[in-house]
C-alpha atoms as a PDB file:
ATOM      1  CA  MET A   1      58.150 -60.537 -11.293  1.00  0.00           C
ATOM      2  CA  ILE A   2      55.858 -57.854 -12.978  1.00  0.00           C
ATOM      3  CA  SER A   3      52.957 -59.904 -10.851  1.00  0.00           C
ATOM      4  CA  LYS A   4      55.200 -59.046  -7.090  1.00  0.00           C
ATOM      5  CA  SER A   5      55.410 -55.276  -8.531  1.00  0.00           C
ATOM      6  CA  ILE A   6      51.843 -54.845  -8.985  1.00  0.00           C
ATOM      7  CA  LYS A   7      50.749 -56.442  -5.465  1.00  0.00           C
ATOM      8  CA  ILE A   8      53.382 -54.059  -4.086  1.00  0.00           C
ATOM      9  CA  ALA A   9      52.439 -50.763  -5.795  1.00  0.00           C
ATOM     10  CA  LEU A  10      48.668 -51.244  -5.164  1.00  0.00           C
ATOM     11  CA  SER A  11      49.439 -51.955  -1.529  1.00  0.00           C
ATOM     12  CA  ILE A  12      51.438 -49.189  -1.056  1.00  0.00           C
ATOM     13  CA  LEU A  13      48.548 -47.264  -2.738  1.00  0.00           C
ATOM     14  CA  LEU A  14      46.417 -48.761  -0.686  1.00  0.00           C
ATOM     15  CA  PHE A  15      47.695 -47.992   2.594  1.00  0.00           C
ATOM     16  CA  LEU A  16      47.998 -44.730   1.328  1.00  0.00           C
ATOM     17  CA  CYS A  17      44.263 -44.143   1.161  1.00  0.00           C
ATOM     18  CA  LEU A  18      44.328 -44.619   5.183  1.00  0.00           C
ATOM     19  CA  PHE A  19      45.272 -40.746   5.415  1.00  0.00           C
ATOM     20  CA  ARG A  20      43.445 -37.662   4.029  1.00  0.00           C
ATOM     21  CA  MET A  21      44.070 -37.329   0.880  1.00  0.00           C
ATOM     22  CA  GLN A  22      42.399 -35.163  -1.830  1.00  0.00           C
ATOM     23  CA  TYR A  23      39.834 -37.040  -3.968  1.00  0.00           C
ATOM     24  CA  GLY A  24      41.533 -36.946  -7.320  1.00  0.00           C
ATOM     25  CA  TYR A  25      43.900 -39.263  -5.596  1.00  0.00           C
ATOM     26  CA  TYR A  26      41.385 -42.489  -4.295  1.00  0.00           C
ATOM     27  CA  GLU A  27      40.072 -42.061  -7.638  1.00  0.00           C
ATOM     28  CA  PHE A  28      43.634 -42.648  -9.274  1.00  0.00           C
ATOM     29  CA  VAL A  29      43.820 -45.499  -6.902  1.00  0.00           C
ATOM     30  CA  ARG A  30      40.048 -46.571  -8.108  1.00  0.00           C
ATOM     31  CA  PHE A  31      41.380 -46.666 -11.569  1.00  0.00           C
ATOM     32  CA  SER A  32      44.958 -48.248 -10.746  1.00  0.00           C
ATOM     33  CA  ALA A  33      43.499 -50.989  -8.807  1.00  0.00           C
ATOM     34  CA  PHE A  34      41.019 -51.469 -11.338  1.00  0.00           C
ATOM     35  CA  VAL A  35      43.601 -52.048 -14.190  1.00  0.00           C
ATOM     36  CA  GLY A  36      45.805 -53.761 -11.681  1.00  0.00           C
ATOM     37  CA  PHE A  37      43.834 -56.269 -10.754  1.00  0.00           C
ATOM     38  CA  VAL A  38      42.699 -57.156 -13.839  1.00  0.00           C
ATOM     39  CA  PHE A  39      45.993 -57.808 -15.224  1.00  0.00           C
ATOM     40  CA  LEU A  40      46.530 -59.968 -12.169  1.00  0.00           C
ATOM     41  CA  ALA A  41      43.060 -61.912 -13.290  1.00  0.00           C
ATOM     42  CA  TYR A  42      44.551 -62.147 -16.540  1.00  0.00           C
ATOM     43  CA  GLN A  43      48.532 -63.713 -15.101  1.00  0.00           C
ATOM     44  CA  ALA A  44      45.755 -65.473 -13.268  1.00  0.00           C
ATOM     45  CA  ASN A  45      44.207 -67.188 -15.803  1.00  0.00           C
ATOM     46  CA  GLN A  46      47.226 -67.834 -18.064  1.00  0.00           C
ATOM     47  CA  GLY A  47      48.365 -69.771 -14.899  1.00  0.00           C
ATOM     48  CA  GLY A  48      45.348 -71.798 -14.820  1.00  0.00           C
ATOM     49  CA  TYR A  49      44.955 -70.517 -10.998  1.00  0.00           C
ATOM     50  CA  ASN A  50      40.862 -70.295 -10.893  1.00  0.00           C
ATOM     51  CA  LYS A  51      40.847 -69.274  -7.357  1.00  0.00           C
ATOM     52  CA  SER A  52      42.825 -66.514  -7.984  1.00  0.00           C
ATOM     53  CA  ILE A  53      41.252 -65.369 -11.130  1.00  0.00           C
ATOM     54  CA  PHE A  54      37.499 -65.263  -8.954  1.00  0.00           C
ATOM     55  CA  ILE A  55      39.562 -63.039  -5.934  1.00  0.00           C
ATOM     56  CA  TYR A  56      41.565 -60.485  -8.696  1.00  0.00           C
ATOM     57  CA  GLY A  57      37.937 -60.607 -10.792  1.00  0.00           C
ATOM     58  CA  THR A  58      36.153 -59.798  -7.862  1.00  0.00           C
ATOM     59  CA  LEU A  59      38.436 -56.797  -6.666  1.00  0.00           C
ATOM     60  CA  ALA A  60      38.533 -55.258 -10.158  1.00  0.00           C
ATOM     61  CA  LEU A  61      34.417 -54.993 -10.081  1.00  0.00           C
ATOM     62  CA  LEU A  62      34.829 -53.697  -6.528  1.00  0.00           C
ATOM     63  CA  PHE A  63      37.427 -51.046  -7.223  1.00  0.00           C
ATOM     64  CA  GLN A  64      36.232 -50.461 -11.304  1.00  0.00           C
ATOM     65  CA  PRO A  65      35.935 -46.675 -11.481  1.00  0.00           C
ATOM     66  CA  PHE A  66      32.636 -46.060 -13.554  1.00  0.00           C
ATOM     67  CA  PHE A  67      30.593 -46.979 -10.822  1.00  0.00           C
ATOM     68  CA  LYS A  68      31.258 -45.910  -7.421  1.00  0.00           C
ATOM     69  CA  ILE A  69      30.274 -48.100  -4.327  1.00  0.00           C
ATOM     70  CA  PRO A  70      29.371 -45.824  -1.369  1.00  0.00           C
ATOM     71  CA  LEU A  71      30.889 -48.077   1.411  1.00  0.00           C
ATOM     72  CA  GLY A  72      31.470 -45.166   3.612  1.00  0.00           C
ATOM     73  CA  ARG A  73      35.128 -44.384   4.629  1.00  0.00           C
ATOM     74  CA  GLN A  74      35.510 -46.509   7.680  1.00  0.00           C
ATOM     75  CA  ILE A  75      34.384 -49.699   5.895  1.00  0.00           C
ATOM     76  CA  TRP A  76      36.481 -48.739   2.721  1.00  0.00           C
ATOM     77  CA  ASN A  77      39.186 -48.288   5.059  1.00  0.00           C
ATOM     78  CA  ILE A  78      39.589 -52.119   6.639  1.00  0.00           C
ATOM     79  CA  VAL A  79      38.287 -53.234   2.614  1.00  0.00           C
ATOM     80  CA  ASP A  80      42.106 -50.979   2.077  1.00  0.00           C
ATOM     81  CA  ILE A  81      44.089 -52.486   4.811  1.00  0.00           C
ATOM     82  CA  ALA A  82      42.756 -56.136   4.041  1.00  0.00           C
ATOM     83  CA  VAL A  83      43.068 -56.432   0.125  1.00  0.00           C
ATOM     84  CA  GLY A  84      46.954 -54.310   1.288  1.00  0.00           C
ATOM     85  CA  VAL A  85      47.433 -56.751   3.644  1.00  0.00           C
ATOM     86  CA  GLY A  86      46.036 -59.894   1.498  1.00  0.00           C
ATOM     87  CA  LEU A  87      48.254 -58.194  -1.458  1.00  0.00           C
ATOM     88  CA  ILE A  88      51.752 -58.679   0.532  1.00  0.00           C
ATOM     89  CA  VAL A  89      50.574 -61.724   1.635  1.00  0.00           C
ATOM     90  CA  SER A  90      50.039 -63.278  -1.820  1.00  0.00           C
ATOM     91  CA  ILE A  91      53.744 -62.658  -2.434  1.00  0.00           C
ATOM     92  CA  PHE A  92      55.166 -65.097  -0.236  1.00  0.00           C
ATOM     93  CA  ILE A  93      52.380 -68.151  -0.542  1.00  0.00           C
ATOM     94  CA  LYS A  94      53.704 -70.558  -3.037  1.00  0.00           C
ATOM     95  CA  LYS A  95      50.960 -71.018  -5.672  1.00  0.00           C
ATOM     96  CA  ASP A  96      49.629 -74.842  -6.143  1.00  0.00           C
ATOM     97  CA  ASN A  97      45.878 -73.896  -6.361  1.00  0.00           C
ATOM     98  CA  ARG A  98      45.397 -75.000  -9.969  1.00  0.00           C
ATOM     99  CA  GLN A  99      42.147 -76.503 -10.959  1.00  0.00           C
ATOM    100  CA  LEU A 100      41.287 -77.477 -14.658  1.00  0.00           C
END
């Protein structure tokens, strides 16, 4: 249940990045996304979902707040939309991809 809430919250934060915001908002989103994706990767690890661990770990590295990845505003907008839509879609997909 908490994973769904995190996915919805992160999606909303990422979609709001499409608007012109103060730079502090983007820093907040990067930190929140990092923490959220690390938690989702941990939850996936607990459930044995290896593909999800890799995806959430990669997203945590992409959004990490320590070293900014300069992709440019247009590419970040595409990333924000793709990740936001992916998070929403992942809520409705039945997880059956466990691998040992």
